[in-house]
Amino acid sequence: MNALVEIVQGVGGIFIGLVNIYIWVIIITALLSFVNPDPYNPIVQFLYRITNPAYAFVRKFMRTDLNGLDFAPLIIIVALQVVIVVIKSILY
């Protein structure tokens, strides 16, 4: 039984790590939107393909632009931080 708990905690730790990586991808994409990079760059295209579904999901339920600033990345980051806290409290 103790080994099963350690396996679940290990998988949970991997999940939390992946969520943290996705948070950093969102931060990088948000910062890239300020400098307006080349849209044909493969790295920029990859980052936009990874983050646009989450942005579209948030924008479907609420208006996220205010005076030219898009708050979708902030909303997603806060929601993912809540998910991390909940997962950590369940696992440990």
N, C-alpha and C. Protein backbone atom coordinates (compact mmCIF):
# COMPACT_ATOMS: atom_id res chain seq x y z
N MET A 1 0.82 -1.19 0.00
CA MET A 1 0.00 0.00 0.00
C MET A 1 0.87 1.26 0.00
N ASN A 2 1.98 1.20 0.70
CA ASN A 2 2.88 2.34 0.78
C ASN A 2 3.51 2.64 -0.59
N ALA A 3 3.78 1.61 -1.36
CA ALA A 3 4.35 1.80 -2.69
C ALA A 3 3.35 2.47 -3.62
N LEU A 4 2.08 2.14 -3.48
CA LEU A 4 1.03 2.75 -4.30
C LEU A 4 0.93 4.24 -4.01
N VAL A 5 1.04 4.61 -2.76
CA VAL A 5 0.99 6.03 -2.39
C VAL A 5 2.18 6.77 -3.00
N GLU A 6 3.34 6.16 -2.98
CA GLU A 6 4.52 6.81 -3.56
C GLU A 6 4.40 6.94 -5.08
N ILE A 7 3.80 5.95 -5.72
CA ILE A 7 3.60 6.03 -7.16
C ILE A 7 2.63 7.15 -7.50
N VAL A 8 1.54 7.26 -6.76
CA VAL A 8 0.56 8.33 -7.01
C VAL A 8 1.20 9.69 -6.75
N GLN A 9 1.99 9.80 -5.70
CA GLN A 9 2.67 11.07 -5.43
C GLN A 9 3.69 11.40 -6.52
N GLY A 10 4.35 10.40 -7.06
CA GLY A 10 5.30 10.62 -8.14
C GLY A 10 4.61 11.10 -9.41
N VAL A 11 3.49 10.47 -9.75
CA VAL A 11 2.73 10.89 -10.93
C VAL A 11 2.18 12.30 -10.71
N GLY A 12 1.73 12.57 -9.49
CA GLY A 12 1.25 13.92 -9.18
C GLY A 12 2.35 14.95 -9.29
N GLY A 13 3.54 14.59 -8.86
CA GLY A 13 4.68 15.50 -8.98
C GLY A 13 5.03 15.78 -10.44
N ILE A 14 4.95 14.76 -11.27
CA ILE A 14 5.19 14.95 -12.71
C ILE A 14 4.13 15.87 -13.30
N PHE A 15 2.87 15.67 -12.91
CA PHE A 15 1.78 16.52 -13.40
C PHE A 15 1.99 17.97 -12.98
N ILE A 16 2.39 18.18 -11.73
CA ILE A 16 2.64 19.54 -11.25
C ILE A 16 3.80 20.17 -12.02
N GLY A 17 4.83 19.38 -12.31
CA GLY A 17 5.94 19.88 -13.11
C GLY A 17 5.52 20.29 -14.51
N LEU A 18 4.66 19.50 -15.13
CA LEU A 18 4.17 19.84 -16.47
C LEU A 18 3.31 21.10 -16.45
N VAL A 19 2.51 21.26 -15.41
CA VAL A 19 1.71 22.47 -15.28
C VAL A 19 2.61 23.69 -15.11
N ASN A 20 3.68 23.54 -14.32
CA ASN A 20 4.63 24.65 -14.16
C ASN A 20 5.31 25.01 -15.48
N ILE A 21 5.65 24.02 -16.27
CA ILE A 21 6.25 24.29 -17.59
C ILE A 21 5.25 25.02 -18.48
N TYR A 22 3.99 24.61 -18.44
CA TYR A 22 2.97 25.29 -19.25
C TYR A 22 2.78 26.74 -18.80
N ILE A 23 2.88 26.98 -17.50
CA ILE A 23 2.79 28.36 -17.01
C ILE A 23 3.92 29.20 -17.59
N TRP A 24 5.13 28.65 -17.64
CA TRP A 24 6.24 29.39 -18.23
C TRP A 24 6.07 29.61 -19.73
N VAL A 25 5.47 28.64 -20.41
CA VAL A 25 5.19 28.82 -21.84
C VAL A 25 4.20 29.96 -22.03
N ILE A 26 3.19 30.04 -21.18
CA ILE A 26 2.22 31.14 -21.27
C ILE A 26 2.90 32.48 -21.00
N ILE A 27 3.78 32.53 -20.02
CA ILE A 27 4.49 33.77 -19.72
C ILE A 27 5.36 34.19 -20.91
N ILE A 28 6.07 33.25 -21.50
CA ILE A 28 6.92 33.57 -22.65
C ILE A 28 6.08 34.05 -23.83
N THR A 29 4.95 33.39 -24.06
CA THR A 29 4.08 33.80 -25.17
C THR A 29 3.50 35.18 -24.93
N ALA A 30 3.12 35.47 -23.70
CA ALA A 30 2.60 36.79 -23.39
C ALA A 30 3.65 37.87 -23.59
N LEU A 31 4.89 37.58 -23.19
CA LEU A 31 5.96 38.55 -23.41
C LEU A 31 6.28 38.72 -24.89
N LEU A 32 6.17 37.64 -25.65
CA LEU A 32 6.41 37.73 -27.10
C LEU A 32 5.37 38.60 -27.79
N SER A 33 4.16 38.64 -27.24
CA SER A 33 3.12 39.44 -27.88
C SER A 33 3.44 40.94 -27.79
N PHE A 34 4.28 41.34 -26.86
CA PHE A 34 4.65 42.75 -26.76
C PHE A 34 5.68 43.16 -27.80
N VAL A 35 6.53 42.23 -28.24
CA VAL A 35 7.58 42.59 -29.20
C VAL A 35 7.20 42.27 -30.63
N ASN A 36 6.08 41.59 -30.85
CA ASN A 36 5.58 41.28 -32.18
C ASN A 36 6.63 40.55 -33.03
N PRO A 37 6.93 39.29 -32.69
CA PRO A 37 7.97 38.55 -33.41
C PRO A 37 7.50 38.12 -34.81
N ASP A 38 8.43 37.56 -35.56
CA ASP A 38 8.13 37.05 -36.89
C ASP A 38 7.14 35.89 -36.77
N PRO A 39 5.94 36.00 -37.36
CA PRO A 39 4.94 34.93 -37.22
C PRO A 39 5.31 33.64 -37.94
N TYR A 40 6.32 33.68 -38.81
CA TYR A 40 6.72 32.49 -39.55
C TYR A 40 7.85 31.72 -38.85
N ASN A 41 8.32 32.23 -37.73
CA ASN A 41 9.34 31.54 -36.96
C ASN A 41 8.72 30.27 -36.37
N PRO A 42 9.36 29.11 -36.53
CA PRO A 42 8.77 27.87 -36.04
C PRO A 42 8.57 27.83 -34.52
N ILE A 43 9.45 28.47 -33.78
CA ILE A 43 9.30 28.48 -32.32
C ILE A 43 8.09 29.31 -31.93
N VAL A 44 7.92 30.45 -32.57
CA VAL A 44 6.77 31.30 -32.29
C VAL A 44 5.48 30.58 -32.67
N GLN A 45 5.47 29.90 -33.81
CA GLN A 45 4.28 29.16 -34.22
C GLN A 45 3.96 28.05 -33.23
N PHE A 46 4.98 27.35 -32.74
CA PHE A 46 4.77 26.30 -31.75
C PHE A 46 4.17 26.87 -30.48
N LEU A 47 4.73 27.97 -29.99
CA LEU A 47 4.21 28.58 -28.75
C LEU A 47 2.77 29.03 -28.92
N TYR A 48 2.44 29.61 -30.06
CA TYR A 48 1.06 30.05 -30.29
C TYR A 48 0.11 28.86 -30.42
N ARG A 49 0.57 27.78 -31.05
CA ARG A 49 -0.29 26.59 -31.17
C ARG A 49 -0.55 25.94 -29.82
N ILE A 50 0.41 26.03 -28.92
CA ILE A 50 0.26 25.44 -27.60
C ILE A 50 -0.67 26.28 -26.72
N THR A 51 -0.61 27.61 -26.83
CA THR A 51 -1.36 28.46 -25.92
C THR A 51 -2.71 28.94 -26.45
N ASN A 52 -2.89 29.01 -27.74
CA ASN A 52 -4.14 29.54 -28.28
C ASN A 52 -5.39 28.75 -27.89
N PRO A 53 -5.36 27.41 -27.78
CA PRO A 53 -6.57 26.72 -27.32
C PRO A 53 -7.00 27.12 -25.91
N ALA A 54 -6.04 27.33 -25.03
CA ALA A 54 -6.39 27.77 -23.67
C ALA A 54 -6.93 29.19 -23.69
N TYR A 55 -6.32 30.06 -24.49
CA TYR A 55 -6.83 31.43 -24.60
C TYR A 55 -8.25 31.44 -25.15
N ALA A 56 -8.49 30.64 -26.18
CA ALA A 56 -9.83 30.58 -26.78
C ALA A 56 -10.86 30.06 -25.79
N PHE A 57 -10.47 29.10 -24.97
CA PHE A 57 -11.38 28.55 -23.96
C PHE A 57 -11.78 29.62 -22.96
N VAL A 58 -10.82 30.40 -22.49
CA VAL A 58 -11.11 31.46 -21.52
C VAL A 58 -11.93 32.57 -22.18
N ARG A 59 -11.58 32.93 -23.39
CA ARG A 59 -12.29 34.01 -24.10
C ARG A 59 -13.72 33.63 -24.43
N LYS A 60 -14.00 32.33 -24.50
CA LYS A 60 -15.36 31.89 -24.79
C LYS A 60 -16.31 32.22 -23.63
N PHE A 61 -15.78 32.21 -22.42
CA PHE A 61 -16.61 32.41 -21.24
C PHE A 61 -16.61 33.83 -20.70
N MET A 62 -15.56 34.61 -20.99
CA MET A 62 -15.52 35.98 -20.46
C MET A 62 -14.73 36.88 -21.39
N ARG A 63 -14.98 38.15 -21.27
CA ARG A 63 -14.26 39.14 -22.04
C ARG A 63 -12.93 39.39 -21.34
N THR A 64 -11.85 39.24 -22.05
CA THR A 64 -10.53 39.33 -21.42
C THR A 64 -9.73 40.55 -21.85
N ASP A 65 -10.21 41.31 -22.80
CA ASP A 65 -9.44 42.48 -23.23
C ASP A 65 -9.98 43.74 -22.56
N LEU A 66 -9.06 44.55 -22.10
CA LEU A 66 -9.40 45.81 -21.43
C LEU A 66 -8.39 46.85 -21.84
N ASN A 67 -8.84 47.84 -22.58
CA ASN A 67 -7.97 48.93 -23.06
C ASN A 67 -6.76 48.42 -23.83
N GLY A 68 -6.96 47.41 -24.64
CA GLY A 68 -5.88 46.91 -25.47
C GLY A 68 -5.01 45.85 -24.83
N LEU A 69 -5.22 45.55 -23.56
CA LEU A 69 -4.46 44.50 -22.88
C LEU A 69 -5.32 43.26 -22.75
N ASP A 70 -4.71 42.13 -23.04
CA ASP A 70 -5.41 40.86 -22.94
C ASP A 70 -5.05 40.19 -21.61
N PHE A 71 -6.06 39.94 -20.81
CA PHE A 71 -5.83 39.35 -19.49
C PHE A 71 -6.04 37.84 -19.48
N ALA A 72 -6.21 37.21 -20.63
CA ALA A 72 -6.38 35.76 -20.70
C ALA A 72 -5.18 35.02 -20.13
N PRO A 73 -3.93 35.42 -20.45
CA PRO A 73 -2.80 34.70 -19.83
C PRO A 73 -2.80 34.79 -18.31
N LEU A 74 -3.14 35.94 -17.77
CA LEU A 74 -3.18 36.09 -16.32
C LEU A 74 -4.25 35.21 -15.70
N ILE A 75 -5.41 35.15 -16.32
CA ILE A 75 -6.50 34.31 -15.81
C ILE A 75 -6.11 32.84 -15.84
N ILE A 76 -5.46 32.43 -16.92
CA ILE A 76 -5.04 31.03 -17.04
C ILE A 76 -3.96 30.69 -16.01
N ILE A 77 -3.01 31.60 -15.80
CA ILE A 77 -1.95 31.35 -14.83
C ILE A 77 -2.52 31.24 -13.42
N VAL A 78 -3.44 32.11 -13.07
CA VAL A 78 -4.05 32.05 -11.74
C VAL A 78 -4.81 30.73 -11.58
N ALA A 79 -5.56 30.33 -12.62
CA ALA A 79 -6.31 29.07 -12.55
C ALA A 79 -5.37 27.88 -12.41
N LEU A 80 -4.25 27.89 -13.13
CA LEU A 80 -3.30 26.79 -13.03
C LEU A 80 -2.61 26.76 -11.67
N GLN A 81 -2.38 27.93 -11.08
CA GLN A 81 -1.81 27.96 -9.74
C GLN A 81 -2.78 27.37 -8.72
N VAL A 82 -4.07 27.64 -8.91
CA VAL A 82 -5.09 27.04 -8.04
C VAL A 82 -5.09 25.52 -8.20
N VAL A 83 -4.96 25.05 -9.44
CA VAL A 83 -4.90 23.60 -9.68
C VAL A 83 -3.69 22.99 -8.98
N ILE A 84 -2.56 23.67 -9.03
CA ILE A 84 -1.36 23.16 -8.37
C ILE A 84 -1.57 23.06 -6.87
N VAL A 85 -2.16 24.08 -6.27
CA VAL A 85 -2.40 24.06 -4.82
C VAL A 85 -3.35 22.93 -4.45
N VAL A 86 -4.39 22.74 -5.24
CA VAL A 86 -5.36 21.67 -4.95
C VAL A 86 -4.70 20.30 -5.08
N ILE A 87 -3.94 20.09 -6.13
CA ILE A 87 -3.28 18.80 -6.34
C ILE A 87 -2.28 18.53 -5.20
N LYS A 88 -1.52 19.56 -4.82
CA LYS A 88 -0.55 19.37 -3.73
C LYS A 88 -1.26 19.04 -2.42
N SER A 89 -2.39 19.68 -2.16
CA SER A 89 -3.09 19.40 -0.91
C SER A 89 -3.70 18.00 -0.92
N ILE A 90 -4.09 17.52 -2.09
CA ILE A 90 -4.63 16.16 -2.17
C ILE A 90 -3.52 15.13 -2.03
N LEU A 91 -2.39 15.37 -2.65
CA LEU A 91 -1.32 14.38 -2.66
C LEU A 91 -0.56 14.28 -1.34
N TYR A 92 -0.37 15.41 -0.68
CA TYR A 92 0.52 15.39 0.48
C TYR A 92 -0.28 15.67 1.69
